[in-house]
Amino acid sequence: MTPVVSIVTPVRNGERYIGQTLGSVAAQTFLDYEHIIVDDGSSDAGPSIVAAAAARDDRIRLVFNNGAHGAGPARSLAMALARGRYIAFLDADDLWDPDKLSRQIAAMQERGLAFSWTGYRVIGADGATLRSLAAPAHASVASLLSKRATIGCLSVVYDAKRLGLRAMPAVPMHEDFRLWLEILRDCERLGFEVGAVCAELASYRVHAGGMTKKKWRAAWWQWRAYRDHAGLSVAASAALFVSYAARGVLARCPLRIGQRQAAKAAR
């Protein structure tokens, strides 16, 4: 039978956390889903962990990406294989609350949303909460570009029946940001409603191996997103980049405090 939701998870060398991620999906109160996990060239035991879970639960599908191509292409492969009306995203080191899907799908159906997101927590390697990020109640192309609205990949669900099966740009970073721009632009053009479930329903993990730790590289790809993907002028891109950098610094201040507090508590 066709599932209502297709969950997309890329994984590469994720043996440390993939079991927890699988557990958070298995604990969902919303049951009508498939979980498509694309292995992107792992050299650890991650694929074996996923294969064992798939043997116990036929909603889990393990797919191999024939080498390491990056999270964007891995997600794109999963989206191409998705059978559900709704596409949801969850990386291999992140977690969902048990009622995440049930609350979000209900909100989308009740409010006629084509694209939705939630708030989430930032957690450390040990699972301790470092800070919380509220869901922006509204989002548009303009607010996303200026970073007045920040949408976490692990919180997104979109309606593939209305928006079609999508692909993430094959770039090393901010590929999700670029896809949200495309989706919001299409929603604005077609008159589709978008909106938030204003609750923290997921946990985004930061750790030494995370891509987002590479701040200079992330900044470069944010700039390229403005120039190449959004097609903005140098002046407009520079203005948005200043806002991006300032908001990033302000956002990281409480994170640093939280990390120091967590480290102190661990001692």
Protein backbone atom coordinates (compact mmCIF):
# COMPACT_ATOMS: atom_id res chain seq x y z
CA MET A 1 0.00 0.00 0.00
CA THR A 2 1.12 3.57 -0.68
CA PRO A 3 2.30 5.29 2.53
CA VAL A 4 1.09 8.75 3.47
CA VAL A 5 4.58 10.00 4.37
CA SER A 6 8.01 9.26 2.92
CA ILE A 7 10.86 10.02 5.34
CA VAL A 8 14.18 10.85 3.69
CA THR A 9 17.45 10.11 5.53
CA PRO A 10 20.96 10.33 4.06
CA VAL A 11 23.71 8.56 6.01
CA ARG A 12 27.45 8.29 5.68
CA ASN A 13 29.49 6.70 8.46
CA GLY A 14 26.63 7.23 10.87
CA GLU A 15 26.97 4.15 13.08
CA ARG A 16 27.24 6.23 16.26
CA TYR A 17 23.80 7.81 16.03
CA ILE A 18 21.76 6.04 13.34
CA GLY A 19 20.27 3.61 15.85
CA GLN A 20 18.89 6.52 17.89
CA THR A 21 17.51 8.14 14.75
CA LEU A 22 15.80 4.91 13.69
CA GLY A 23 14.39 4.58 17.19
CA SER A 24 12.88 8.07 17.09
CA VAL A 25 11.10 7.19 13.83
CA ALA A 26 9.90 3.84 15.14
CA ALA A 27 8.44 5.67 18.17
CA GLN A 28 6.21 7.91 15.99
CA THR A 29 2.53 7.87 16.88
CA PHE A 30 1.86 8.40 13.15
CA LEU A 31 2.35 4.93 11.64
CA ASP A 32 1.62 5.25 7.91
CA TYR A 33 5.08 6.02 6.57
CA GLU A 34 8.04 4.62 4.70
CA HIS A 35 11.59 5.43 5.78
CA ILE A 36 14.01 5.66 2.86
CA ILE A 37 17.61 5.62 4.04
CA VAL A 38 20.28 6.30 1.42
CA ASP A 39 23.78 5.15 2.31
CA ASP A 40 26.28 7.55 0.78
CA GLY A 41 29.48 5.51 0.72
CA SER A 42 29.76 4.45 4.36
CA SER A 43 32.82 2.53 5.53
CA ASP A 44 31.51 1.77 9.02
CA ALA A 45 28.78 -0.45 10.45
CA GLY A 46 25.99 2.01 9.68
CA PRO A 47 24.53 0.04 6.73
CA SER A 48 24.47 -3.14 8.82
CA ILE A 49 22.55 -1.35 11.58
CA VAL A 50 20.00 -0.07 9.05
CA ALA A 51 19.74 -3.47 7.32
CA ALA A 52 19.00 -5.15 10.65
CA ALA A 53 16.28 -2.59 11.38
CA ALA A 54 14.82 -3.08 7.88
CA ALA A 55 14.63 -6.82 8.49
CA ARG A 56 12.42 -6.12 11.50
CA ASP A 57 10.31 -3.34 9.92
CA ASP A 58 9.30 -3.45 6.26
CA ARG A 59 8.62 0.30 6.27
CA ILE A 60 12.41 0.85 6.21
CA ARG A 61 14.11 0.85 2.80
CA LEU A 62 17.91 0.86 2.57
CA VAL A 63 19.30 2.20 -0.72
CA PHE A 64 22.95 2.53 -1.74
CA ASN A 65 24.19 5.61 -3.58
CA ASN A 66 27.20 3.96 -5.27
CA GLY A 67 29.85 6.09 -3.62
CA ALA A 68 30.01 9.31 -1.62
CA HIS A 69 28.14 12.07 -3.44
CA GLY A 70 26.95 14.23 -0.56
CA ALA A 71 23.79 14.71 1.47
CA GLY A 72 21.98 16.65 -1.27
CA PRO A 73 22.26 13.95 -3.97
CA ALA A 74 21.48 11.26 -1.38
CA ARG A 75 18.28 13.06 -0.40
CA SER A 76 17.44 13.58 -4.08
CA LEU A 77 17.73 9.83 -4.72
CA ALA A 78 15.40 9.13 -1.80
CA MET A 79 12.91 11.73 -3.03
CA ALA A 80 12.93 10.15 -6.51
CA LEU A 81 11.98 6.82 -4.91
CA ALA A 82 9.38 8.25 -2.53
CA ARG A 83 5.81 6.95 -2.78
CA GLY A 84 4.19 9.07 -0.07
CA ARG A 85 2.17 12.22 -0.58
CA TYR A 86 4.19 14.03 2.07
CA ILE A 87 7.99 14.17 2.07
CA ALA A 88 9.75 14.60 5.43
CA PHE A 89 13.46 14.99 6.18
CA LEU A 90 15.54 13.56 9.02
CA ASP A 91 19.33 13.28 9.01
CA ALA A 92 21.12 10.26 10.46
CA ASP A 93 22.21 11.98 13.69
CA ASP A 94 19.00 13.89 14.45
CA LEU A 95 15.86 12.93 16.37
CA TRP A 96 12.10 13.44 16.24
CA ASP A 97 9.70 13.67 19.15
CA PRO A 98 7.13 10.82 19.09
CA ASP A 99 4.25 13.11 18.05
CA LYS A 100 6.20 15.07 15.43
CA LEU A 101 4.63 13.54 12.33
CA SER A 102 1.12 13.19 13.75
CA ARG A 103 0.94 16.86 14.77
CA GLN A 104 2.54 18.17 11.60
CA ILE A 105 0.52 16.10 9.12
CA ALA A 106 -2.69 16.96 10.98
CA ALA A 107 -1.83 20.67 10.82
CA MET A 108 -1.04 20.48 7.11
CA GLN A 109 -4.32 18.75 6.33
CA GLU A 110 -6.42 21.00 8.55
CA ARG A 111 -4.84 24.22 7.27
CA GLY A 112 -4.24 23.18 3.66
CA LEU A 113 -0.47 23.69 3.88
CA ALA A 114 1.78 22.66 1.01
CA PHE A 115 4.99 23.29 3.00
CA SER A 116 5.49 23.29 6.75
CA TRP A 117 8.15 23.33 9.44
CA THR A 118 8.46 23.15 13.22
CA GLY A 119 10.68 24.42 15.98
CA TYR A 120 13.49 22.23 17.28
CA ARG A 121 16.17 21.89 19.91
CA VAL A 122 19.93 21.94 19.36
CA ILE A 123 21.57 19.08 21.26
CA GLY A 124 25.17 18.06 21.82
CA ALA A 125 26.87 14.76 21.07
CA ASP A 126 25.59 13.40 24.39
CA GLY A 127 22.00 14.47 23.72
CA ALA A 128 22.00 17.36 26.21
CA THR A 129 19.96 20.36 25.05
CA LEU A 130 22.11 23.38 24.24
CA ARG A 131 19.41 25.76 23.08
CA SER A 132 15.99 25.90 21.45
CA LEU A 133 14.97 27.38 18.11
CA ALA A 134 11.35 28.47 17.81
CA ALA A 135 9.59 27.95 14.51
CA PRO A 136 9.09 31.19 12.59
CA ALA A 137 5.33 31.58 12.33
CA HIS A 138 5.64 32.77 8.73
CA ALA A 139 8.22 32.35 6.00
CA SER A 140 8.68 33.75 2.51
CA VAL A 141 11.43 33.98 -0.06
CA ALA A 142 12.34 37.42 1.31
CA SER A 143 12.44 36.36 4.97
CA LEU A 144 14.46 33.24 4.16
CA LEU A 145 17.01 35.21 2.16
CA SER A 146 17.46 37.73 4.97
CA LYS A 147 17.53 34.96 7.58
CA ARG A 148 14.61 36.51 9.43
CA ALA A 149 13.16 33.02 9.04
CA THR A 150 15.33 29.95 9.57
CA ILE A 151 13.89 26.56 8.67
CA GLY A 152 15.62 23.43 9.93
CA CYS A 153 15.84 20.55 7.47
CA LEU A 154 14.82 18.01 10.12
CA SER A 155 11.59 19.93 10.70
CA VAL A 156 10.32 20.19 7.10
CA VAL A 157 7.43 18.35 5.48
CA TYR A 158 6.13 19.24 2.01
CA ASP A 159 3.19 18.03 -0.07
CA ALA A 160 4.56 16.22 -3.13
CA LYS A 161 1.07 15.90 -4.63
CA ARG A 162 0.90 19.67 -4.99
CA LEU A 163 4.57 20.55 -5.37
CA GLY A 164 5.88 17.45 -7.15
CA LEU A 165 8.89 15.33 -6.32
CA ARG A 166 11.84 17.63 -5.86
CA ALA A 167 15.62 17.33 -5.89
CA MET A 168 18.18 19.12 -3.79
CA PRO A 169 20.91 21.02 -5.65
CA ALA A 170 24.16 19.05 -5.82
CA VAL A 171 26.25 21.48 -3.77
CA PRO A 172 28.34 20.69 -0.67
CA MET A 173 26.41 22.92 1.77
CA HIS A 174 23.12 24.81 2.14
CA GLU A 175 21.44 22.52 -0.38
CA ASP A 176 18.33 22.45 1.83
CA PHE A 177 18.26 26.27 1.99
CA ARG A 178 18.24 26.37 -1.82
CA LEU A 179 15.39 23.86 -2.03
CA TRP A 180 13.30 25.81 0.49
CA LEU A 181 13.83 28.92 -1.65
CA GLU A 182 12.54 27.06 -4.70
CA ILE A 183 9.54 25.67 -2.84
CA LEU A 184 8.60 29.00 -1.25
CA ARG A 185 8.94 30.75 -4.60
CA ASP A 186 6.60 28.20 -6.20
CA CYS A 187 4.13 28.40 -3.32
CA GLU A 188 4.01 32.18 -3.65
CA ARG A 189 3.52 31.90 -7.42
CA LEU A 190 0.82 29.22 -7.19
CA GLY A 191 -0.96 30.61 -4.14
CA PHE A 192 -0.27 27.61 -1.89
CA GLU A 193 -0.38 28.12 1.86
CA VAL A 194 2.75 27.54 3.94
CA GLY A 195 3.10 27.64 7.71
CA ALA A 196 4.59 26.42 10.94
CA VAL A 197 3.68 24.09 13.73
CA CYS A 198 4.88 26.35 16.53
CA ALA A 199 6.30 23.69 18.82
CA GLU A 200 9.71 22.10 19.30
CA LEU A 201 9.22 18.65 17.82
CA ALA A 202 12.75 17.58 16.87
CA SER A 203 16.37 17.64 18.03
CA TYR A 204 19.27 18.74 15.81
CA ARG A 205 22.60 17.32 16.90
CA VAL A 206 25.87 19.27 16.70
CA HIS A 207 29.13 17.35 17.06
CA ALA A 208 32.71 17.39 15.84
CA GLY A 209 31.94 15.51 12.63
CA GLY A 210 29.04 17.72 11.57
CA MET A 211 29.30 19.62 8.29
CA THR A 212 27.91 22.81 9.82
CA LYS A 213 30.97 23.06 12.08
CA LYS A 214 32.92 24.35 9.04
CA LYS A 215 31.74 27.93 9.34
CA TRP A 216 33.93 29.56 6.70
CA ARG A 217 32.93 27.00 4.11
CA ALA A 218 29.28 27.41 5.10
CA ALA A 219 29.58 31.18 4.66
CA TRP A 220 31.03 30.74 1.18
CA TRP A 221 28.18 28.49 0.07
CA GLN A 222 25.63 30.87 1.56
CA TRP A 223 27.13 33.61 -0.61
CA ARG A 224 26.97 31.34 -3.68
CA ALA A 225 23.33 30.60 -2.90
CA TYR A 226 22.55 34.32 -3.05
CA ARG A 227 24.50 34.87 -6.26
CA ASP A 228 23.95 31.66 -8.22
CA HIS A 229 20.69 30.20 -6.99
CA ALA A 230 18.69 33.30 -6.10
CA GLY A 231 20.28 35.31 -8.92
CA LEU A 232 20.82 38.41 -6.79
CA SER A 233 23.17 41.26 -7.59
CA VAL A 234 26.47 41.70 -5.75
CA ALA A 235 25.02 44.62 -3.77
CA ALA A 236 21.87 42.74 -2.77
CA SER A 237 23.88 39.63 -1.92
CA ALA A 238 26.29 41.66 0.21
CA ALA A 239 23.46 43.25 2.18
CA LEU A 240 21.86 39.87 2.85
CA PHE A 241 25.21 38.32 3.70
CA VAL A 242 25.86 40.94 6.38
CA SER A 243 22.46 40.11 7.90
CA TYR A 244 23.25 36.37 7.65
CA ALA A 245 26.61 36.80 9.39
CA ALA A 246 25.25 39.04 12.15
CA ARG A 247 22.34 36.74 12.91
CA GLY A 248 24.68 33.74 12.89
CA VAL A 249 26.96 35.33 15.48
CA LEU A 250 24.03 36.27 17.71
CA ALA A 251 22.53 32.79 17.41
CA ARG A 252 25.77 31.09 18.39
CA CYS A 253 26.29 33.08 21.59
CA PRO A 254 23.72 31.10 23.64
CA LEU A 255 24.97 27.90 21.98
CA ARG A 256 28.50 28.55 23.25
CA ILE A 257 27.14 29.21 26.73
CA GLY A 258 25.13 26.00 26.57
CA GLN A 259 28.16 24.00 25.46
CA ARG A 260 30.25 25.35 28.32
CA GLN A 261 27.48 24.57 30.80
CA ALA A 262 27.11 21.03 29.43
CA ALA A 263 30.86 20.45 29.61
CA LYS A 264 30.98 21.75 33.17
CA ALA A 265 28.09 19.51 34.21
CA ALA A 266 29.80 16.49 32.61
CA ARG A 267 32.91 17.12 34.74
